[in-house]
């Protein structure tokens, strides 16, 4: 499967029954660093994808990231660890830390910058 940033990701497909995905037992994929940036690659795990591929849920962990992004999908993310700062194209700035939920509508553009290493769970709807 192709990840949200275009790289190949590990994925657990939908099943017909309730099941548990243990992130410690499933391989994570390398999340591609931004071209021309000094950011190290992160890791991503797609824990669920709907059969039509329009809804996905997963986890991301990164040491650092500073990237301009245009969100091609709706994303809701729960910050588990670390702190991030998002500067929207209108100049508004939000910070998120553990326990905060970041809601990003499709078409939003801005700069995502980690202030510390972070982990998040995310849900994406295309």
N, C-alpha and C. Protein backbone atom coordinates (compact mmCIF):
# COMPACT_ATOMS: atom_id res chain seq x y z
N UNK A 1 0.84 -1.18 0.00
CA UNK A 1 0.00 0.00 0.00
C UNK A 1 0.88 1.23 0.00
N UNK A 2 0.41 2.29 -0.64
CA UNK A 2 1.12 3.55 -0.64
C UNK A 2 0.64 4.40 0.52
N UNK A 3 1.59 4.96 1.27
CA UNK A 3 1.26 5.77 2.44
C UNK A 3 0.80 7.16 2.07
N UNK A 4 0.46 7.93 3.10
CA UNK A 4 -0.05 9.28 2.88
C UNK A 4 0.99 10.18 2.24
N UNK A 5 2.28 9.85 2.39
CA UNK A 5 3.31 10.69 1.79
C UNK A 5 3.88 10.08 0.50
N UNK A 6 3.24 9.02 -0.02
CA UNK A 6 3.67 8.40 -1.26
C UNK A 6 4.61 7.23 -1.09
N UNK A 7 5.08 6.97 0.15
CA UNK A 7 5.98 5.84 0.37
C UNK A 7 5.19 4.57 0.63
N UNK A 8 5.87 3.44 0.51
CA UNK A 8 5.22 2.16 0.79
C UNK A 8 5.05 2.02 2.30
N UNK A 9 3.91 1.51 2.74
CA UNK A 9 3.66 1.37 4.17
C UNK A 9 3.23 -0.05 4.51
N UNK A 10 3.45 -0.41 5.78
CA UNK A 10 2.89 -1.66 6.29
C UNK A 10 1.42 -1.41 6.52
N UNK A 11 0.61 -2.42 6.31
CA UNK A 11 -0.82 -2.23 6.45
C UNK A 11 -1.48 -3.50 6.94
N UNK A 12 -2.46 -3.31 7.77
CA UNK A 12 -3.32 -4.40 8.20
C UNK A 12 -4.67 -4.12 7.57
N UNK A 13 -5.12 -4.96 6.66
CA UNK A 13 -6.39 -4.76 5.94
C UNK A 13 -7.59 -5.01 6.83
N UNK A 14 -8.72 -4.53 6.41
CA UNK A 14 -9.95 -4.76 7.15
C UNK A 14 -10.22 -6.26 7.22
N UNK A 15 -10.89 -6.66 8.29
CA UNK A 15 -11.26 -8.05 8.49
C UNK A 15 -12.74 -8.12 8.78
N UNK A 16 -13.27 -9.32 8.78
CA UNK A 16 -14.70 -9.50 9.03
C UNK A 16 -15.03 -9.66 10.51
N UNK A 17 -14.04 -9.54 11.38
CA UNK A 17 -14.31 -9.71 12.81
C UNK A 17 -13.48 -8.72 13.61
N UNK A 18 -13.85 -8.56 14.87
CA UNK A 18 -13.08 -7.70 15.76
C UNK A 18 -11.70 -8.34 15.95
N UNK A 19 -10.68 -7.51 15.93
CA UNK A 19 -9.32 -8.02 16.13
C UNK A 19 -8.45 -6.92 16.75
N UNK A 20 -7.30 -7.30 17.22
CA UNK A 20 -6.36 -6.39 17.85
C UNK A 20 -5.12 -6.28 16.97
N UNK A 21 -4.65 -5.06 16.79
CA UNK A 21 -3.38 -4.82 16.10
C UNK A 21 -2.40 -4.36 17.16
N UNK A 22 -1.35 -5.13 17.38
CA UNK A 22 -0.33 -4.78 18.36
C UNK A 22 0.83 -4.12 17.61
N UNK A 23 1.00 -2.80 17.78
CA UNK A 23 2.06 -2.10 17.04
C UNK A 23 3.46 -2.62 17.33
N UNK A 24 3.62 -3.35 18.43
CA UNK A 24 4.92 -3.92 18.75
C UNK A 24 5.19 -5.20 17.97
N UNK A 25 4.13 -5.79 17.40
CA UNK A 25 4.25 -7.06 16.69
C UNK A 25 4.10 -6.94 15.17
N UNK A 26 3.80 -5.75 14.70
CA UNK A 26 3.57 -5.53 13.26
C UNK A 26 4.71 -4.67 12.72
N UNK A 27 5.24 -4.99 11.55
CA UNK A 27 6.33 -4.17 11.01
C UNK A 27 5.86 -2.76 10.62
N UNK A 28 6.68 -1.78 10.93
CA UNK A 28 6.42 -0.39 10.56
C UNK A 28 7.18 -0.11 9.26
N UNK A 29 6.72 0.87 8.51
CA UNK A 29 7.38 1.26 7.26
C UNK A 29 8.10 2.59 7.46
N UNK A 30 9.09 2.81 6.64
CA UNK A 30 9.82 4.08 6.67
C UNK A 30 8.94 5.15 6.04
N UNK A 31 8.76 6.26 6.76
CA UNK A 31 8.04 7.41 6.23
C UNK A 31 9.08 8.33 5.60
N UNK A 32 8.93 8.59 4.34
CA UNK A 32 9.91 9.32 3.55
C UNK A 32 10.16 10.72 4.08
N UNK A 33 11.43 11.12 4.19
CA UNK A 33 11.71 12.51 4.57
C UNK A 33 11.35 13.46 3.43
N UNK A 34 11.11 14.70 3.77
CA UNK A 34 10.78 15.70 2.76
C UNK A 34 11.99 15.93 1.86
N UNK A 35 11.77 16.04 0.54
CA UNK A 35 12.88 16.28 -0.39
C UNK A 35 13.60 17.58 -0.04
N UNK A 36 14.92 17.51 -0.01
CA UNK A 36 15.73 18.70 0.22
C UNK A 36 15.77 19.17 1.66
N UNK A 37 15.14 18.47 2.57
CA UNK A 37 15.15 18.84 3.98
C UNK A 37 16.09 17.91 4.73
N UNK A 38 16.54 18.33 5.88
CA UNK A 38 17.45 17.53 6.68
C UNK A 38 16.73 16.61 7.65
N UNK A 39 15.41 16.51 7.53
CA UNK A 39 14.66 15.68 8.47
C UNK A 39 14.99 14.21 8.27
N UNK A 40 15.19 13.48 9.37
CA UNK A 40 15.39 12.04 9.24
C UNK A 40 14.05 11.37 8.90
N UNK A 41 14.09 10.19 8.28
CA UNK A 41 12.83 9.49 8.02
C UNK A 41 12.17 9.10 9.33
N UNK A 42 10.86 9.00 9.30
CA UNK A 42 10.11 8.53 10.45
C UNK A 42 9.61 7.13 10.17
N UNK A 43 8.65 6.70 10.97
CA UNK A 43 8.04 5.39 10.77
C UNK A 43 6.53 5.54 10.79
N UNK A 44 5.87 4.71 10.00
CA UNK A 44 4.42 4.76 9.91
C UNK A 44 3.85 3.35 9.83
N UNK A 45 2.69 3.19 10.43
CA UNK A 45 1.98 1.92 10.40
C UNK A 45 0.52 2.20 10.09
N UNK A 46 0.02 1.66 9.00
CA UNK A 46 -1.40 1.75 8.69
C UNK A 46 -2.05 0.53 9.32
N UNK A 47 -2.81 0.76 10.39
CA UNK A 47 -3.40 -0.34 11.15
C UNK A 47 -4.72 -0.82 10.55
N UNK A 48 -5.38 0.05 9.78
CA UNK A 48 -6.65 -0.32 9.18
C UNK A 48 -6.85 0.49 7.91
N UNK A 49 -7.40 -0.16 6.89
CA UNK A 49 -7.81 0.52 5.67
C UNK A 49 -9.15 -0.07 5.25
N UNK A 50 -10.11 0.80 4.96
CA UNK A 50 -11.42 0.31 4.52
C UNK A 50 -11.26 -0.36 3.16
N UNK A 51 -12.16 -1.26 2.81
CA UNK A 51 -12.04 -1.96 1.53
C UNK A 51 -11.94 -1.02 0.32
N UNK A 52 -12.59 0.14 0.39
CA UNK A 52 -12.51 1.08 -0.74
C UNK A 52 -11.30 2.00 -0.65
N UNK A 53 -10.53 1.91 0.45
CA UNK A 53 -9.32 2.70 0.60
C UNK A 53 -9.55 4.15 0.97
N UNK A 54 -10.78 4.56 1.20
CA UNK A 54 -11.06 5.97 1.48
C UNK A 54 -10.86 6.33 2.95
N UNK A 55 -10.89 5.35 3.84
CA UNK A 55 -10.68 5.60 5.26
C UNK A 55 -9.51 4.76 5.73
N UNK A 56 -8.54 5.40 6.39
CA UNK A 56 -7.41 4.67 6.95
C UNK A 56 -7.14 5.19 8.36
N UNK A 57 -6.51 4.34 9.14
CA UNK A 57 -6.18 4.66 10.52
C UNK A 57 -4.80 4.11 10.80
N UNK A 58 -3.96 4.87 11.48
CA UNK A 58 -2.63 4.37 11.76
C UNK A 58 -1.88 5.17 12.79
N UNK A 59 -0.59 4.92 12.83
CA UNK A 59 0.30 5.55 13.80
C UNK A 59 1.53 6.07 13.07
N UNK A 60 2.07 7.16 13.58
CA UNK A 60 3.30 7.74 13.05
C UNK A 60 4.21 8.06 14.22
N UNK A 61 5.51 7.85 14.02
CA UNK A 61 6.50 8.29 15.00
C UNK A 61 7.67 8.90 14.24
N UNK A 62 8.12 10.05 14.72
CA UNK A 62 9.22 10.78 14.07
C UNK A 62 10.08 11.47 15.12
N UNK A 63 11.36 11.56 14.82
CA UNK A 63 12.28 12.32 15.66
C UNK A 63 12.12 13.81 15.40
N UNK A 64 11.96 14.17 14.13
CA UNK A 64 11.76 15.57 13.77
C UNK A 64 11.12 15.65 12.39
N UNK A 65 10.42 16.76 12.17
CA UNK A 65 9.81 17.01 10.87
C UNK A 65 9.55 18.50 10.75
N UNK A 66 9.91 19.05 9.62
CA UNK A 66 9.60 20.44 9.28
C UNK A 66 9.25 20.43 7.80
N UNK A 67 7.94 20.45 7.51
CA UNK A 67 7.51 20.22 6.14
C UNK A 67 6.29 21.07 5.80
N UNK A 68 6.33 21.68 4.62
CA UNK A 68 5.15 22.36 4.10
C UNK A 68 4.23 21.29 3.50
N UNK A 69 2.95 21.36 3.86
CA UNK A 69 2.02 20.31 3.46
C UNK A 69 0.72 20.93 2.95
N UNK A 70 0.16 20.31 1.93
CA UNK A 70 -1.21 20.57 1.52
C UNK A 70 -1.94 19.26 1.75
N UNK A 71 -2.90 19.25 2.68
CA UNK A 71 -3.59 18.02 3.04
C UNK A 71 -4.57 17.64 1.92
N UNK A 72 -4.36 16.47 1.33
CA UNK A 72 -5.20 15.98 0.23
C UNK A 72 -6.38 15.16 0.78
N UNK A 73 -6.53 15.15 2.09
CA UNK A 73 -7.56 14.34 2.75
C UNK A 73 -7.93 15.03 4.07
N UNK A 74 -9.00 14.62 4.67
CA UNK A 74 -9.34 15.06 6.03
C UNK A 74 -8.51 14.21 6.98
N UNK A 75 -7.94 14.82 8.01
CA UNK A 75 -7.16 14.07 8.98
C UNK A 75 -7.51 14.50 10.40
N UNK A 76 -7.68 13.53 11.27
CA UNK A 76 -7.83 13.78 12.70
C UNK A 76 -6.70 13.01 13.36
N UNK A 77 -5.90 13.70 14.16
CA UNK A 77 -4.74 13.07 14.79
C UNK A 77 -4.74 13.34 16.29
N UNK A 78 -4.42 12.32 17.06
CA UNK A 78 -4.26 12.44 18.51
C UNK A 78 -2.77 12.38 18.79
N UNK A 79 -2.24 13.43 19.41
CA UNK A 79 -0.82 13.45 19.76
C UNK A 79 -0.63 12.62 21.03
N UNK A 80 0.21 11.60 20.92
CA UNK A 80 0.48 10.71 22.06
C UNK A 80 1.69 11.16 22.87
N UNK A 81 2.69 11.66 22.15
CA UNK A 81 3.96 12.06 22.75
C UNK A 81 4.52 13.22 21.97
N UNK A 82 5.23 14.11 22.65
CA UNK A 82 5.91 15.20 21.98
C UNK A 82 5.03 16.42 21.76
N UNK A 83 5.59 17.37 21.02
CA UNK A 83 4.86 18.61 20.74
C UNK A 83 5.11 19.02 19.30
N UNK A 84 4.04 19.47 18.64
CA UNK A 84 4.14 19.92 17.25
C UNK A 84 3.52 21.31 17.14
N UNK A 85 3.95 22.02 16.10
CA UNK A 85 3.41 23.34 15.80
C UNK A 85 3.00 23.36 14.34
N UNK A 86 1.79 23.82 14.07
CA UNK A 86 1.30 23.90 12.70
C UNK A 86 1.00 25.36 12.40
N UNK A 87 1.63 25.87 11.35
CA UNK A 87 1.39 27.24 10.89
C UNK A 87 0.57 27.15 9.62
N UNK A 88 -0.68 27.62 9.69
CA UNK A 88 -1.57 27.57 8.52
C UNK A 88 -1.16 28.64 7.51
N UNK A 89 -1.63 28.48 6.28
CA UNK A 89 -1.27 29.41 5.21
C UNK A 89 -1.75 30.83 5.51
N UNK A 90 -2.75 31.00 6.40
CA UNK A 90 -3.21 32.34 6.77
C UNK A 90 -2.37 32.96 7.88
N UNK A 91 -1.33 32.23 8.32
CA UNK A 91 -0.43 32.74 9.35
C UNK A 91 -0.79 32.35 10.77
N UNK A 92 -1.97 31.75 10.97
CA UNK A 92 -2.34 31.32 12.33
C UNK A 92 -1.47 30.13 12.74
N UNK A 93 -1.16 30.09 14.03
CA UNK A 93 -0.28 29.04 14.56
C UNK A 93 -1.00 28.31 15.68
N UNK A 94 -0.95 26.97 15.63
CA UNK A 94 -1.48 26.15 16.71
C UNK A 94 -0.38 25.20 17.18
N UNK A 95 -0.40 24.91 18.47
CA UNK A 95 0.52 23.92 19.04
C UNK A 95 -0.30 22.79 19.62
N UNK A 96 0.23 21.59 19.50
CA UNK A 96 -0.45 20.42 20.04
C UNK A 96 0.56 19.59 20.82
N UNK A 97 0.09 19.07 21.95
CA UNK A 97 0.93 18.25 22.83
C UNK A 97 0.12 17.03 23.25
N UNK A 98 0.70 16.12 24.02
CA UNK A 98 0.00 14.88 24.36
C UNK A 98 -1.43 15.11 24.85
N UNK A 99 -2.35 14.35 24.25
CA UNK A 99 -3.75 14.44 24.59
C UNK A 99 -4.54 15.37 23.70
N UNK A 100 -3.85 16.24 22.94
CA UNK A 100 -4.54 17.15 22.03
C UNK A 100 -4.91 16.44 20.73
N UNK A 101 -6.06 16.82 20.18
CA UNK A 101 -6.52 16.30 18.90
C UNK A 101 -6.37 17.41 17.87
N UNK A 102 -5.71 17.09 16.76
CA UNK A 102 -5.52 18.04 15.67
C UNK A 102 -6.47 17.65 14.54
N UNK A 103 -7.37 18.55 14.17
CA UNK A 103 -8.33 18.32 13.10
C UNK A 103 -7.89 19.16 11.91
N UNK A 104 -7.63 18.50 10.78
CA UNK A 104 -7.14 19.18 9.59
C UNK A 104 -8.05 18.85 8.40
N UNK A 105 -8.85 19.81 7.94
CA UNK A 105 -9.73 19.57 6.79
C UNK A 105 -8.94 19.43 5.48
N UNK A 106 -9.49 18.66 4.57
CA UNK A 106 -8.91 18.50 3.23
C UNK A 106 -8.71 19.89 2.60
N UNK A 107 -7.60 20.08 1.92
CA UNK A 107 -7.31 21.34 1.24
C UNK A 107 -6.57 22.35 2.09
N UNK A 108 -6.44 22.09 3.39
CA UNK A 108 -5.70 22.98 4.27
C UNK A 108 -4.22 22.93 3.87
N UNK A 109 -3.57 24.08 3.94
CA UNK A 109 -2.13 24.09 3.67
C UNK A 109 -1.42 24.81 4.80
N UNK A 110 -0.18 24.44 5.01
CA UNK A 110 0.60 25.05 6.06
C UNK A 110 1.90 24.30 6.28
N UNK A 111 2.53 24.63 7.40
CA UNK A 111 3.82 24.02 7.75
C UNK A 111 3.65 23.25 9.05
N UNK A 112 4.00 21.97 9.02
CA UNK A 112 3.99 21.10 10.20
C UNK A 112 5.42 21.05 10.70
N UNK A 113 5.61 21.39 11.98
CA UNK A 113 6.96 21.38 12.55
C UNK A 113 6.91 20.71 13.91
N UNK A 114 7.75 19.70 14.08
CA UNK A 114 7.83 19.06 15.40
C UNK A 114 8.78 19.89 16.26
N UNK A 115 8.37 20.11 17.49
CA UNK A 115 9.21 20.83 18.44
C UNK A 115 10.04 19.84 19.26
N UNK A 116 9.55 18.60 19.32
CA UNK A 116 10.25 17.50 19.99
C UNK A 116 9.92 16.23 19.19
N UNK A 117 10.61 15.12 19.44
CA UNK A 117 10.18 13.87 18.82
C UNK A 117 8.72 13.62 19.20
N UNK A 118 7.95 13.07 18.26
CA UNK A 118 6.53 12.88 18.54
C UNK A 118 6.00 11.55 18.02
N UNK A 119 4.86 11.16 18.62
CA UNK A 119 4.09 10.01 18.16
C UNK A 119 2.64 10.45 18.07
N UNK A 120 1.96 9.99 17.04
CA UNK A 120 0.54 10.32 16.92
C UNK A 120 -0.21 9.14 16.32
N UNK A 121 -1.50 9.08 16.64
CA UNK A 121 -2.41 8.18 15.93
C UNK A 121 -3.25 9.07 15.04
N UNK A 122 -3.60 8.56 13.88
CA UNK A 122 -4.32 9.38 12.91
C UNK A 122 -5.41 8.58 12.23
N UNK A 123 -6.43 9.30 11.82
CA UNK A 123 -7.49 8.75 10.98
C UNK A 123 -7.61 9.69 9.79
N UNK A 124 -7.68 9.10 8.60
CA UNK A 124 -7.72 9.87 7.36
C UNK A 124 -8.93 9.44 6.56
N UNK A 125 -9.64 10.43 6.03
CA UNK A 125 -10.76 10.15 5.13
C UNK A 125 -10.48 10.90 3.83
N UNK A 126 -10.43 10.16 2.73
CA UNK A 126 -10.14 10.74 1.42
C UNK A 126 -11.36 11.37 0.81
